[in-house]
Every structure is written in structure tokens, then in C-alpha cells.
Amino acid sequence: GAKAAIAAAVVIVLAAGAGGAYADS
């Protein structure tokens, strides 16, 4: 269960980072 929670958080962070990159461009 802990591993699943951590994986979900990583996906959310990566998605947010990608959105920021698109916004800067």
C-alpha cells in the first residue's frame, strides 16, 4: 500500500513539473 501511494505522488509531481515547463515556454 505504501509503495502504491508513493508512486501516485511521483506521478502527480512529474505531471505538475511538465505543466510548468509548458507554461514557461
PDBML (XML) file of the C-alpha atoms, coordinates in Angstrom:
<?xml version="1.0" encoding="UTF-8" ?>
<PDBx:datablock datablockName="MODEL"
   xmlns:PDBx="http://pdbml.pdb.org/schema/pdbx-v50.xsd"
   xmlns:xsi="http://www.w3.org/2001/XMLSchema-instance"
   xsi:schemaLocation="http://pdbml.pdb.org/schema/pdbx-v50.xsd pdbx-v50.xsd">
   <PDBx:atom_siteCategory>
      <PDBx:atom_site id="1">
         <PDBx:B_iso_or_equiv>0.00</PDBx:B_iso_or_equiv>
         <PDBx:Cartn_x>0.000</PDBx:Cartn_x>
         <PDBx:Cartn_y>0.000</PDBx:Cartn_y>
         <PDBx:Cartn_z>0.000</PDBx:Cartn_z>
         <PDBx:auth_asym_id>A</PDBx:auth_asym_id>
         <PDBx:auth_atom_id>CA</PDBx:auth_atom_id>
         <PDBx:auth_comp_id>GLY</PDBx:auth_comp_id>
         <PDBx:auth_seq_id>1</PDBx:auth_seq_id>
         <PDBx:group_PDB>ATOM</PDBx:group_PDB>
         <PDBx:label_alt_id xsi:nil="true" />
         <PDBx:label_asym_id>A</PDBx:label_asym_id>
         <PDBx:label_atom_id>CA</PDBx:label_atom_id>
         <PDBx:label_comp_id>GLY</PDBx:label_comp_id>
         <PDBx:label_entity_id>1</PDBx:label_entity_id>
         <PDBx:label_seq_id>1</PDBx:label_seq_id>
         <PDBx:occupancy>1.00</PDBx:occupancy>
         <PDBx:pdbx_PDB_model_num>1</PDBx:pdbx_PDB_model_num>
         <PDBx:type_symbol>C</PDBx:type_symbol>
      </PDBx:atom_site>
      <PDBx:atom_site id="2">
         <PDBx:B_iso_or_equiv>0.00</PDBx:B_iso_or_equiv>
         <PDBx:Cartn_x>2.830</PDBx:Cartn_x>
         <PDBx:Cartn_y>2.389</PDBx:Cartn_y>
         <PDBx:Cartn_z>0.860</PDBx:Cartn_z>
         <PDBx:auth_asym_id>A</PDBx:auth_asym_id>
         <PDBx:auth_atom_id>CA</PDBx:auth_atom_id>
         <PDBx:auth_comp_id>ALA</PDBx:auth_comp_id>
         <PDBx:auth_seq_id>2</PDBx:auth_seq_id>
         <PDBx:group_PDB>ATOM</PDBx:group_PDB>
         <PDBx:label_alt_id xsi:nil="true" />
         <PDBx:label_asym_id>A</PDBx:label_asym_id>
         <PDBx:label_atom_id>CA</PDBx:label_atom_id>
         <PDBx:label_comp_id>ALA</PDBx:label_comp_id>
         <PDBx:label_entity_id>1</PDBx:label_entity_id>
         <PDBx:label_seq_id>2</PDBx:label_seq_id>
         <PDBx:occupancy>1.00</PDBx:occupancy>
         <PDBx:pdbx_PDB_model_num>1</PDBx:pdbx_PDB_model_num>
         <PDBx:type_symbol>C</PDBx:type_symbol>
      </PDBx:atom_site>
      <PDBx:atom_site id="3">
         <PDBx:B_iso_or_equiv>0.00</PDBx:B_iso_or_equiv>
         <PDBx:Cartn_x>4.534</PDBx:Cartn_x>
         <PDBx:Cartn_y>1.711</PDBx:Cartn_y>
         <PDBx:Cartn_z>-2.447</PDBx:Cartn_z>
         <PDBx:auth_asym_id>A</PDBx:auth_asym_id>
         <PDBx:auth_atom_id>CA</PDBx:auth_atom_id>
         <PDBx:auth_comp_id>LYS</PDBx:auth_comp_id>
         <PDBx:auth_seq_id>3</PDBx:auth_seq_id>
         <PDBx:group_PDB>ATOM</PDBx:group_PDB>
         <PDBx:label_alt_id xsi:nil="true" />
         <PDBx:label_asym_id>A</PDBx:label_asym_id>
         <PDBx:label_atom_id>CA</PDBx:label_atom_id>
         <PDBx:label_comp_id>LYS</PDBx:label_comp_id>
         <PDBx:label_entity_id>1</PDBx:label_entity_id>
         <PDBx:label_seq_id>3</PDBx:label_seq_id>
         <PDBx:occupancy>1.00</PDBx:occupancy>
         <PDBx:pdbx_PDB_model_num>1</PDBx:pdbx_PDB_model_num>
         <PDBx:type_symbol>C</PDBx:type_symbol>
      </PDBx:atom_site>
      <PDBx:atom_site id="4">
         <PDBx:B_iso_or_equiv>0.00</PDBx:B_iso_or_equiv>
         <PDBx:Cartn_x>1.352</PDBx:Cartn_x>
         <PDBx:Cartn_y>2.464</PDBx:Cartn_y>
         <PDBx:Cartn_z>-4.328</PDBx:Cartn_z>
         <PDBx:auth_asym_id>A</PDBx:auth_asym_id>
         <PDBx:auth_atom_id>CA</PDBx:auth_atom_id>
         <PDBx:auth_comp_id>ALA</PDBx:auth_comp_id>
         <PDBx:auth_seq_id>4</PDBx:auth_seq_id>
         <PDBx:group_PDB>ATOM</PDBx:group_PDB>
         <PDBx:label_alt_id xsi:nil="true" />
         <PDBx:label_asym_id>A</PDBx:label_asym_id>
         <PDBx:label_atom_id>CA</PDBx:label_atom_id>
         <PDBx:label_comp_id>ALA</PDBx:label_comp_id>
         <PDBx:label_entity_id>1</PDBx:label_entity_id>
         <PDBx:label_seq_id>4</PDBx:label_seq_id>
         <PDBx:occupancy>1.00</PDBx:occupancy>
         <PDBx:pdbx_PDB_model_num>1</PDBx:pdbx_PDB_model_num>
         <PDBx:type_symbol>C</PDBx:type_symbol>
      </PDBx:atom_site>
      <PDBx:atom_site id="5">
         <PDBx:B_iso_or_equiv>0.00</PDBx:B_iso_or_equiv>
         <PDBx:Cartn_x>0.906</PDBx:Cartn_x>
         <PDBx:Cartn_y>5.784</PDBx:Cartn_y>
         <PDBx:Cartn_z>-2.503</PDBx:Cartn_z>
         <PDBx:auth_asym_id>A</PDBx:auth_asym_id>
         <PDBx:auth_atom_id>CA</PDBx:auth_atom_id>
         <PDBx:auth_comp_id>ALA</PDBx:auth_comp_id>
         <PDBx:auth_seq_id>5</PDBx:auth_seq_id>
         <PDBx:group_PDB>ATOM</PDBx:group_PDB>
         <PDBx:label_alt_id xsi:nil="true" />
         <PDBx:label_asym_id>A</PDBx:label_asym_id>
         <PDBx:label_atom_id>CA</PDBx:label_atom_id>
         <PDBx:label_comp_id>ALA</PDBx:label_comp_id>
         <PDBx:label_entity_id>1</PDBx:label_entity_id>
         <PDBx:label_seq_id>5</PDBx:label_seq_id>
         <PDBx:occupancy>1.00</PDBx:occupancy>
         <PDBx:pdbx_PDB_model_num>1</PDBx:pdbx_PDB_model_num>
         <PDBx:type_symbol>C</PDBx:type_symbol>
      </PDBx:atom_site>
      <PDBx:atom_site id="6">
         <PDBx:B_iso_or_equiv>0.00</PDBx:B_iso_or_equiv>
         <PDBx:Cartn_x>4.463</PDBx:Cartn_x>
         <PDBx:Cartn_y>6.860</PDBx:Cartn_y>
         <PDBx:Cartn_z>-3.240</PDBx:Cartn_z>
         <PDBx:auth_asym_id>A</PDBx:auth_asym_id>
         <PDBx:auth_atom_id>CA</PDBx:auth_atom_id>
         <PDBx:auth_comp_id>ILE</PDBx:auth_comp_id>
         <PDBx:auth_seq_id>6</PDBx:auth_seq_id>
         <PDBx:group_PDB>ATOM</PDBx:group_PDB>
         <PDBx:label_alt_id xsi:nil="true" />
         <PDBx:label_asym_id>A</PDBx:label_asym_id>
         <PDBx:label_atom_id>CA</PDBx:label_atom_id>
         <PDBx:label_comp_id>ILE</PDBx:label_comp_id>
         <PDBx:label_entity_id>1</PDBx:label_entity_id>
         <PDBx:label_seq_id>6</PDBx:label_seq_id>
         <PDBx:occupancy>1.00</PDBx:occupancy>
         <PDBx:pdbx_PDB_model_num>1</PDBx:pdbx_PDB_model_num>
         <PDBx:type_symbol>C</PDBx:type_symbol>
      </PDBx:atom_site>
      <PDBx:atom_site id="7">
         <PDBx:B_iso_or_equiv>0.00</PDBx:B_iso_or_equiv>
         <PDBx:Cartn_x>4.127</PDBx:Cartn_x>
         <PDBx:Cartn_y>6.008</PDBx:Cartn_y>
         <PDBx:Cartn_z>-6.933</PDBx:Cartn_z>
         <PDBx:auth_asym_id>A</PDBx:auth_asym_id>
         <PDBx:auth_atom_id>CA</PDBx:auth_atom_id>
         <PDBx:auth_comp_id>ALA</PDBx:auth_comp_id>
         <PDBx:auth_seq_id>7</PDBx:auth_seq_id>
         <PDBx:group_PDB>ATOM</PDBx:group_PDB>
         <PDBx:label_alt_id xsi:nil="true" />
         <PDBx:label_asym_id>A</PDBx:label_asym_id>
         <PDBx:label_atom_id>CA</PDBx:label_atom_id>
         <PDBx:label_comp_id>ALA</PDBx:label_comp_id>
         <PDBx:label_entity_id>1</PDBx:label_entity_id>
         <PDBx:label_seq_id>7</PDBx:label_seq_id>
         <PDBx:occupancy>1.00</PDBx:occupancy>
         <PDBx:pdbx_PDB_model_num>1</PDBx:pdbx_PDB_model_num>
         <PDBx:type_symbol>C</PDBx:type_symbol>
      </PDBx:atom_site>
      <PDBx:atom_site id="8">
         <PDBx:B_iso_or_equiv>0.00</PDBx:B_iso_or_equiv>
         <PDBx:Cartn_x>0.960</PDBx:Cartn_x>
         <PDBx:Cartn_y>8.071</PDBx:Cartn_y>
         <PDBx:Cartn_z>-7.207</PDBx:Cartn_z>
         <PDBx:auth_asym_id>A</PDBx:auth_asym_id>
         <PDBx:auth_atom_id>CA</PDBx:auth_atom_id>
         <PDBx:auth_comp_id>ALA</PDBx:auth_comp_id>
         <PDBx:auth_seq_id>8</PDBx:auth_seq_id>
         <PDBx:group_PDB>ATOM</PDBx:group_PDB>
         <PDBx:label_alt_id xsi:nil="true" />
         <PDBx:label_asym_id>A</PDBx:label_asym_id>
         <PDBx:label_atom_id>CA</PDBx:label_atom_id>
         <PDBx:label_comp_id>ALA</PDBx:label_comp_id>
         <PDBx:label_entity_id>1</PDBx:label_entity_id>
         <PDBx:label_seq_id>8</PDBx:label_seq_id>
         <PDBx:occupancy>1.00</PDBx:occupancy>
         <PDBx:pdbx_PDB_model_num>1</PDBx:pdbx_PDB_model_num>
         <PDBx:type_symbol>C</PDBx:type_symbol>
      </PDBx:atom_site>
      <PDBx:atom_site id="9">
         <PDBx:B_iso_or_equiv>0.00</PDBx:B_iso_or_equiv>
         <PDBx:Cartn_x>2.691</PDBx:Cartn_x>
         <PDBx:Cartn_y>11.079</PDBx:Cartn_y>
         <PDBx:Cartn_z>-5.601</PDBx:Cartn_z>
         <PDBx:auth_asym_id>A</PDBx:auth_asym_id>
         <PDBx:auth_atom_id>CA</PDBx:auth_atom_id>
         <PDBx:auth_comp_id>ALA</PDBx:auth_comp_id>
         <PDBx:auth_seq_id>9</PDBx:auth_seq_id>
         <PDBx:group_PDB>ATOM</PDBx:group_PDB>
         <PDBx:label_alt_id xsi:nil="true" />
         <PDBx:label_asym_id>A</PDBx:label_asym_id>
         <PDBx:label_atom_id>CA</PDBx:label_atom_id>
         <PDBx:label_comp_id>ALA</PDBx:label_comp_id>
         <PDBx:label_entity_id>1</PDBx:label_entity_id>
         <PDBx:label_seq_id>9</PDBx:label_seq_id>
         <PDBx:occupancy>1.00</PDBx:occupancy>
         <PDBx:pdbx_PDB_model_num>1</PDBx:pdbx_PDB_model_num>
         <PDBx:type_symbol>C</PDBx:type_symbol>
      </PDBx:atom_site>
      <PDBx:atom_site id="10">
         <PDBx:B_iso_or_equiv>0.00</PDBx:B_iso_or_equiv>
         <PDBx:Cartn_x>5.602</PDBx:Cartn_x>
         <PDBx:Cartn_y>10.845</PDBx:Cartn_y>
         <PDBx:Cartn_z>-8.003</PDBx:Cartn_z>
         <PDBx:auth_asym_id>A</PDBx:auth_asym_id>
         <PDBx:auth_atom_id>CA</PDBx:auth_atom_id>
         <PDBx:auth_comp_id>VAL</PDBx:auth_comp_id>
         <PDBx:auth_seq_id>10</PDBx:auth_seq_id>
         <PDBx:group_PDB>ATOM</PDBx:group_PDB>
         <PDBx:label_alt_id xsi:nil="true" />
         <PDBx:label_asym_id>A</PDBx:label_asym_id>
         <PDBx:label_atom_id>CA</PDBx:label_atom_id>
         <PDBx:label_comp_id>VAL</PDBx:label_comp_id>
         <PDBx:label_entity_id>1</PDBx:label_entity_id>
         <PDBx:label_seq_id>10</PDBx:label_seq_id>
         <PDBx:occupancy>1.00</PDBx:occupancy>
         <PDBx:pdbx_PDB_model_num>1</PDBx:pdbx_PDB_model_num>
         <PDBx:type_symbol>C</PDBx:type_symbol>
      </PDBx:atom_site>
      <PDBx:atom_site id="11">
         <PDBx:B_iso_or_equiv>0.00</PDBx:B_iso_or_equiv>
         <PDBx:Cartn_x>3.241</PDBx:Cartn_x>
         <PDBx:Cartn_y>10.813</PDBx:Cartn_y>
         <PDBx:Cartn_z>-10.969</PDBx:Cartn_z>
         <PDBx:auth_asym_id>A</PDBx:auth_asym_id>
         <PDBx:auth_atom_id>CA</PDBx:auth_atom_id>
         <PDBx:auth_comp_id>VAL</PDBx:auth_comp_id>
         <PDBx:auth_seq_id>11</PDBx:auth_seq_id>
         <PDBx:group_PDB>ATOM</PDBx:group_PDB>
         <PDBx:label_alt_id xsi:nil="true" />
         <PDBx:label_asym_id>A</PDBx:label_asym_id>
         <PDBx:label_atom_id>CA</PDBx:label_atom_id>
         <PDBx:label_comp_id>VAL</PDBx:label_comp_id>
         <PDBx:label_entity_id>1</PDBx:label_entity_id>
         <PDBx:label_seq_id>11</PDBx:label_seq_id>
         <PDBx:occupancy>1.00</PDBx:occupancy>
         <PDBx:pdbx_PDB_model_num>1</PDBx:pdbx_PDB_model_num>
         <PDBx:type_symbol>C</PDBx:type_symbol>
      </PDBx:atom_site>
      <PDBx:atom_site id="12">
         <PDBx:B_iso_or_equiv>0.00</PDBx:B_iso_or_equiv>
         <PDBx:Cartn_x>1.471</PDBx:Cartn_x>
         <PDBx:Cartn_y>13.918</PDBx:Cartn_y>
         <PDBx:Cartn_z>-9.676</PDBx:Cartn_z>
         <PDBx:auth_asym_id>A</PDBx:auth_asym_id>
         <PDBx:auth_atom_id>CA</PDBx:auth_atom_id>
         <PDBx:auth_comp_id>ILE</PDBx:auth_comp_id>
         <PDBx:auth_seq_id>12</PDBx:auth_seq_id>
         <PDBx:group_PDB>ATOM</PDBx:group_PDB>
         <PDBx:label_alt_id xsi:nil="true" />
         <PDBx:label_asym_id>A</PDBx:label_asym_id>
         <PDBx:label_atom_id>CA</PDBx:label_atom_id>
         <PDBx:label_comp_id>ILE</PDBx:label_comp_id>
         <PDBx:label_entity_id>1</PDBx:label_entity_id>
         <PDBx:label_seq_id>12</PDBx:label_seq_id>
         <PDBx:occupancy>1.00</PDBx:occupancy>
         <PDBx:pdbx_PDB_model_num>1</PDBx:pdbx_PDB_model_num>
         <PDBx:type_symbol>C</PDBx:type_symbol>
      </PDBx:atom_site>
      <PDBx:atom_site id="13">
         <PDBx:B_iso_or_equiv>0.00</PDBx:B_iso_or_equiv>
         <PDBx:Cartn_x>4.777</PDBx:Cartn_x>
         <PDBx:Cartn_y>15.800</PDBx:Cartn_y>
         <PDBx:Cartn_z>-9.141</PDBx:Cartn_z>
         <PDBx:auth_asym_id>A</PDBx:auth_asym_id>
         <PDBx:auth_atom_id>CA</PDBx:auth_atom_id>
         <PDBx:auth_comp_id>VAL</PDBx:auth_comp_id>
         <PDBx:auth_seq_id>13</PDBx:auth_seq_id>
         <PDBx:group_PDB>ATOM</PDBx:group_PDB>
         <PDBx:label_alt_id xsi:nil="true" />
         <PDBx:label_asym_id>A</PDBx:label_asym_id>
         <PDBx:label_atom_id>CA</PDBx:label_atom_id>
         <PDBx:label_comp_id>VAL</PDBx:label_comp_id>
         <PDBx:label_entity_id>1</PDBx:label_entity_id>
         <PDBx:label_seq_id>13</PDBx:label_seq_id>
         <PDBx:occupancy>1.00</PDBx:occupancy>
         <PDBx:pdbx_PDB_model_num>1</PDBx:pdbx_PDB_model_num>
         <PDBx:type_symbol>C</PDBx:type_symbol>
      </PDBx:atom_site>
      <PDBx:atom_site id="14">
         <PDBx:B_iso_or_equiv>0.00</PDBx:B_iso_or_equiv>
         <PDBx:Cartn_x>6.064</PDBx:Cartn_x>
         <PDBx:Cartn_y>14.890</PDBx:Cartn_y>
         <PDBx:Cartn_z>-12.586</PDBx:Cartn_z>
         <PDBx:auth_asym_id>A</PDBx:auth_asym_id>
         <PDBx:auth_atom_id>CA</PDBx:auth_atom_id>
         <PDBx:auth_comp_id>LEU</PDBx:auth_comp_id>
         <PDBx:auth_seq_id>14</PDBx:auth_seq_id>
         <PDBx:group_PDB>ATOM</PDBx:group_PDB>
         <PDBx:label_alt_id xsi:nil="true" />
         <PDBx:label_asym_id>A</PDBx:label_asym_id>
         <PDBx:label_atom_id>CA</PDBx:label_atom_id>
         <PDBx:label_comp_id>LEU</PDBx:label_comp_id>
         <PDBx:label_entity_id>1</PDBx:label_entity_id>
         <PDBx:label_seq_id>14</PDBx:label_seq_id>
         <PDBx:occupancy>1.00</PDBx:occupancy>
         <PDBx:pdbx_PDB_model_num>1</PDBx:pdbx_PDB_model_num>
         <PDBx:type_symbol>C</PDBx:type_symbol>
      </PDBx:atom_site>
      <PDBx:atom_site id="15">
         <PDBx:B_iso_or_equiv>0.00</PDBx:B_iso_or_equiv>
         <PDBx:Cartn_x>2.811</PDBx:Cartn_x>
         <PDBx:Cartn_y>15.988</PDBx:Cartn_y>
         <PDBx:Cartn_z>-14.150</PDBx:Cartn_z>
         <PDBx:auth_asym_id>A</PDBx:auth_asym_id>
         <PDBx:auth_atom_id>CA</PDBx:auth_atom_id>
         <PDBx:auth_comp_id>ALA</PDBx:auth_comp_id>
         <PDBx:auth_seq_id>15</PDBx:auth_seq_id>
         <PDBx:group_PDB>ATOM</PDBx:group_PDB>
         <PDBx:label_alt_id xsi:nil="true" />
         <PDBx:label_asym_id>A</PDBx:label_asym_id>
         <PDBx:label_atom_id>CA</PDBx:label_atom_id>
         <PDBx:label_comp_id>ALA</PDBx:label_comp_id>
         <PDBx:label_entity_id>1</PDBx:label_entity_id>
         <PDBx:label_seq_id>15</PDBx:label_seq_id>
         <PDBx:occupancy>1.00</PDBx:occupancy>
         <PDBx:pdbx_PDB_model_num>1</PDBx:pdbx_PDB_model_num>
         <PDBx:type_symbol>C</PDBx:type_symbol>
      </PDBx:atom_site>
      <PDBx:atom_site id="16">
         <PDBx:B_iso_or_equiv>0.00</PDBx:B_iso_or_equiv>
         <PDBx:Cartn_x>2.958</PDBx:Cartn_x>
         <PDBx:Cartn_y>19.306</PDBx:Cartn_y>
         <PDBx:Cartn_z>-12.331</PDBx:Cartn_z>
         <PDBx:auth_asym_id>A</PDBx:auth_asym_id>
         <PDBx:auth_atom_id>CA</PDBx:auth_atom_id>
         <PDBx:auth_comp_id>ALA</PDBx:auth_comp_id>
         <PDBx:auth_seq_id>16</PDBx:auth_seq_id>
         <PDBx:group_PDB>ATOM</PDBx:group_PDB>
         <PDBx:label_alt_id xsi:nil="true" />
         <PDBx:label_asym_id>A</PDBx:label_asym_id>
         <PDBx:label_atom_id>CA</PDBx:label_atom_id>
         <PDBx:label_comp_id>ALA</PDBx:label_comp_id>
         <PDBx:label_entity_id>1</PDBx:label_entity_id>
         <PDBx:label_seq_id>16</PDBx:label_seq_id>
         <PDBx:occupancy>1.00</PDBx:occupancy>
         <PDBx:pdbx_PDB_model_num>1</PDBx:pdbx_PDB_model_num>
         <PDBx:type_symbol>C</PDBx:type_symbol>
      </PDBx:atom_site>
      <PDBx:atom_site id="17">
         <PDBx:B_iso_or_equiv>0.00</PDBx:B_iso_or_equiv>
         <PDBx:Cartn_x>6.543</PDBx:Cartn_x>
         <PDBx:Cartn_y>19.855</PDBx:Cartn_y>
         <PDBx:Cartn_z>-13.451</PDBx:Cartn_z>
         <PDBx:auth_asym_id>A</PDBx:auth_asym_id>
         <PDBx:auth_atom_id>CA</PDBx:auth_atom_id>
         <PDBx:auth_comp_id>GLY</PDBx:auth_comp_id>
         <PDBx:auth_seq_id>17</PDBx:auth_seq_id>
         <PDBx:group_PDB>ATOM</PDBx:group_PDB>
         <PDBx:label_alt_id xsi:nil="true" />
         <PDBx:label_asym_id>A</PDBx:label_asym_id>
         <PDBx:label_atom_id>CA</PDBx:label_atom_id>
         <PDBx:label_comp_id>GLY</PDBx:label_comp_id>
         <PDBx:label_entity_id>1</PDBx:label_entity_id>
         <PDBx:label_seq_id>17</PDBx:label_seq_id>
         <PDBx:occupancy>1.00</PDBx:occupancy>
         <PDBx:pdbx_PDB_model_num>1</PDBx:pdbx_PDB_model_num>
         <PDBx:type_symbol>C</PDBx:type_symbol>
      </PDBx:atom_site>
      <PDBx:atom_site id="18">
         <PDBx:B_iso_or_equiv>0.00</PDBx:B_iso_or_equiv>
         <PDBx:Cartn_x>5.663</PDBx:Cartn_x>
         <PDBx:Cartn_y>19.177</PDBx:Cartn_y>
         <PDBx:Cartn_z>-17.039</PDBx:Cartn_z>
         <PDBx:auth_asym_id>A</PDBx:auth_asym_id>
         <PDBx:auth_atom_id>CA</PDBx:auth_atom_id>
         <PDBx:auth_comp_id>ALA</PDBx:auth_comp_id>
         <PDBx:auth_seq_id>18</PDBx:auth_seq_id>
         <PDBx:group_PDB>ATOM</PDBx:group_PDB>
         <PDBx:label_alt_id xsi:nil="true" />
         <PDBx:label_asym_id>A</PDBx:label_asym_id>
         <PDBx:label_atom_id>CA</PDBx:label_atom_id>
         <PDBx:label_comp_id>ALA</PDBx:label_comp_id>
         <PDBx:label_entity_id>1</PDBx:label_entity_id>
         <PDBx:label_seq_id>18</PDBx:label_seq_id>
         <PDBx:occupancy>1.00</PDBx:occupancy>
         <PDBx:pdbx_PDB_model_num>1</PDBx:pdbx_PDB_model_num>
         <PDBx:type_symbol>C</PDBx:type_symbol>
      </PDBx:atom_site>
      <PDBx:atom_site id="19">
         <PDBx:B_iso_or_equiv>0.00</PDBx:B_iso_or_equiv>
         <PDBx:Cartn_x>2.794</PDBx:Cartn_x>
         <PDBx:Cartn_y>21.644</PDBx:Cartn_y>
         <PDBx:Cartn_z>-16.831</PDBx:Cartn_z>
         <PDBx:auth_asym_id>A</PDBx:auth_asym_id>
         <PDBx:auth_atom_id>CA</PDBx:auth_atom_id>
         <PDBx:auth_comp_id>GLY</PDBx:auth_comp_id>
         <PDBx:auth_seq_id>19</PDBx:auth_seq_id>
         <PDBx:group_PDB>ATOM</PDBx:group_PDB>
         <PDBx:label_alt_id xsi:nil="true" />
         <PDBx:label_asym_id>A</PDBx:label_asym_id>
         <PDBx:label_atom_id>CA</PDBx:label_atom_id>
         <PDBx:label_comp_id>GLY</PDBx:label_comp_id>
         <PDBx:label_entity_id>1</PDBx:label_entity_id>
         <PDBx:label_seq_id>19</PDBx:label_seq_id>
         <PDBx:occupancy>1.00</PDBx:occupancy>
         <PDBx:pdbx_PDB_model_num>1</PDBx:pdbx_PDB_model_num>
         <PDBx:type_symbol>C</PDBx:type_symbol>
      </PDBx:atom_site>
      <PDBx:atom_site id="20">
         <PDBx:B_iso_or_equiv>0.00</PDBx:B_iso_or_equiv>
         <PDBx:Cartn_x>5.164</PDBx:Cartn_x>
         <PDBx:Cartn_y>24.333</PDBx:Cartn_y>
         <PDBx:Cartn_z>-15.521</PDBx:Cartn_z>
         <PDBx:auth_asym_id>A</PDBx:auth_asym_id>
         <PDBx:auth_atom_id>CA</PDBx:auth_atom_id>
         <PDBx:auth_comp_id>GLY</PDBx:auth_comp_id>
         <PDBx:auth_seq_id>20</PDBx:auth_seq_id>
         <PDBx:group_PDB>ATOM</PDBx:group_PDB>
         <PDBx:label_alt_id xsi:nil="true" />
         <PDBx:label_asym_id>A</PDBx:label_asym_id>
         <PDBx:label_atom_id>CA</PDBx:label_atom_id>
         <PDBx:label_comp_id>GLY</PDBx:label_comp_id>
         <PDBx:label_entity_id>1</PDBx:label_entity_id>
         <PDBx:label_seq_id>20</PDBx:label_seq_id>
         <PDBx:occupancy>1.00</PDBx:occupancy>
         <PDBx:pdbx_PDB_model_num>1</PDBx:pdbx_PDB_model_num>
         <PDBx:type_symbol>C</PDBx:type_symbol>
      </PDBx:atom_site>
      <PDBx:atom_site id="21">
         <PDBx:B_iso_or_equiv>0.00</PDBx:B_iso_or_equiv>
         <PDBx:Cartn_x>7.572</PDBx:Cartn_x>
         <PDBx:Cartn_y>23.766</PDBx:Cartn_y>
         <PDBx:Cartn_z>-18.397</PDBx:Cartn_z>
         <PDBx:auth_asym_id>A</PDBx:auth_asym_id>
         <PDBx:auth_atom_id>CA</PDBx:auth_atom_id>
         <PDBx:auth_comp_id>ALA</PDBx:auth_comp_id>
         <PDBx:auth_seq_id>21</PDBx:auth_seq_id>
         <PDBx:group_PDB>ATOM</PDBx:group_PDB>
         <PDBx:label_alt_id xsi:nil="true" />
         <PDBx:label_asym_id>A</PDBx:label_asym_id>
         <PDBx:label_atom_id>CA</PDBx:label_atom_id>
         <PDBx:label_comp_id>ALA</PDBx:label_comp_id>
         <PDBx:label_entity_id>1</PDBx:label_entity_id>
         <PDBx:label_seq_id>21</PDBx:label_seq_id>
         <PDBx:occupancy>1.00</PDBx:occupancy>
         <PDBx:pdbx_PDB_model_num>1</PDBx:pdbx_PDB_model_num>
         <PDBx:type_symbol>C</PDBx:type_symbol>
      </PDBx:atom_site>
      <PDBx:atom_site id="22">
         <PDBx:B_iso_or_equiv>0.00</PDBx:B_iso_or_equiv>
         <PDBx:Cartn_x>4.779</PDBx:Cartn_x>
         <PDBx:Cartn_y>24.183</PDBx:Cartn_y>
         <PDBx:Cartn_z>-20.902</PDBx:Cartn_z>
         <PDBx:auth_asym_id>A</PDBx:auth_asym_id>
         <PDBx:auth_atom_id>CA</PDBx:auth_atom_id>
         <PDBx:auth_comp_id>TYR</PDBx:auth_comp_id>
         <PDBx:auth_seq_id>22</PDBx:auth_seq_id>
         <PDBx:group_PDB>ATOM</PDBx:group_PDB>
         <PDBx:label_alt_id xsi:nil="true" />
         <PDBx:label_asym_id>A</PDBx:label_asym_id>
         <PDBx:label_atom_id>CA</PDBx:label_atom_id>
         <PDBx:label_comp_id>TYR</PDBx:label_comp_id>
         <PDBx:label_entity_id>1</PDBx:label_entity_id>
         <PDBx:label_seq_id>22</PDBx:label_seq_id>
         <PDBx:occupancy>1.00</PDBx:occupancy>
         <PDBx:pdbx_PDB_model_num>1</PDBx:pdbx_PDB_model_num>
         <PDBx:type_symbol>C</PDBx:type_symbol>
      </PDBx:atom_site>
      <PDBx:atom_site id="23">
         <PDBx:B_iso_or_equiv>0.00</PDBx:B_iso_or_equiv>
         <PDBx:Cartn_x>3.666</PDBx:Cartn_x>
         <PDBx:Cartn_y>27.377</PDBx:Cartn_y>
         <PDBx:Cartn_z>-19.129</PDBx:Cartn_z>
         <PDBx:auth_asym_id>A</PDBx:auth_asym_id>
         <PDBx:auth_atom_id>CA</PDBx:auth_atom_id>
         <PDBx:auth_comp_id>ALA</PDBx:auth_comp_id>
         <PDBx:auth_seq_id>23</PDBx:auth_seq_id>
         <PDBx:group_PDB>ATOM</PDBx:group_PDB>
         <PDBx:label_alt_id xsi:nil="true" />
         <PDBx:label_asym_id>A</PDBx:label_asym_id>
         <PDBx:label_atom_id>CA</PDBx:label_atom_id>
         <PDBx:label_comp_id>ALA</PDBx:label_comp_id>
         <PDBx:label_entity_id>1</PDBx:label_entity_id>
         <PDBx:label_seq_id>23</PDBx:label_seq_id>
         <PDBx:occupancy>1.00</PDBx:occupancy>
         <PDBx:pdbx_PDB_model_num>1</PDBx:pdbx_PDB_model_num>
         <PDBx:type_symbol>C</PDBx:type_symbol>
      </PDBx:atom_site>
      <PDBx:atom_site id="24">
         <PDBx:B_iso_or_equiv>0.00</PDBx:B_iso_or_equiv>
         <PDBx:Cartn_x>7.182</PDBx:Cartn_x>
         <PDBx:Cartn_y>28.946</PDBx:Cartn_y>
         <PDBx:Cartn_z>-19.261</PDBx:Cartn_z>
         <PDBx:auth_asym_id>A</PDBx:auth_asym_id>
         <PDBx:auth_atom_id>CA</PDBx:auth_atom_id>
         <PDBx:auth_comp_id>ASP</PDBx:auth_comp_id>
         <PDBx:auth_seq_id>24</PDBx:auth_seq_id>
         <PDBx:group_PDB>ATOM</PDBx:group_PDB>
         <PDBx:label_alt_id xsi:nil="true" />
         <PDBx:label_asym_id>A</PDBx:label_asym_id>
         <PDBx:label_atom_id>CA</PDBx:label_atom_id>
         <PDBx:label_comp_id>ASP</PDBx:label_comp_id>
         <PDBx:label_entity_id>1</PDBx:label_entity_id>
         <PDBx:label_seq_id>24</PDBx:label_seq_id>
         <PDBx:occupancy>1.00</PDBx:occupancy>
         <PDBx:pdbx_PDB_model_num>1</PDBx:pdbx_PDB_model_num>
         <PDBx:type_symbol>C</PDBx:type_symbol>
      </PDBx:atom_site>
      <PDBx:atom_site id="25">
         <PDBx:B_iso_or_equiv>0.00</PDBx:B_iso_or_equiv>
         <PDBx:Cartn_x>7.507</PDBx:Cartn_x>
         <PDBx:Cartn_y>28.228</PDBx:Cartn_y>
         <PDBx:Cartn_z>-22.969</PDBx:Cartn_z>
         <PDBx:auth_asym_id>A</PDBx:auth_asym_id>
         <PDBx:auth_atom_id>CA</PDBx:auth_atom_id>
         <PDBx:auth_comp_id>SER</PDBx:auth_comp_id>
         <PDBx:auth_seq_id>25</PDBx:auth_seq_id>
         <PDBx:group_PDB>ATOM</PDBx:group_PDB>
         <PDBx:label_alt_id xsi:nil="true" />
         <PDBx:label_asym_id>A</PDBx:label_asym_id>
         <PDBx:label_atom_id>CA</PDBx:label_atom_id>
         <PDBx:label_comp_id>SER</PDBx:label_comp_id>
         <PDBx:label_entity_id>1</PDBx:label_entity_id>
         <PDBx:label_seq_id>25</PDBx:label_seq_id>
         <PDBx:occupancy>1.00</PDBx:occupancy>
         <PDBx:pdbx_PDB_model_num>1</PDBx:pdbx_PDB_model_num>
         <PDBx:type_symbol>C</PDBx:type_symbol>
      </PDBx:atom_site>
   </PDBx:atom_siteCategory>
</PDBx:datablock>
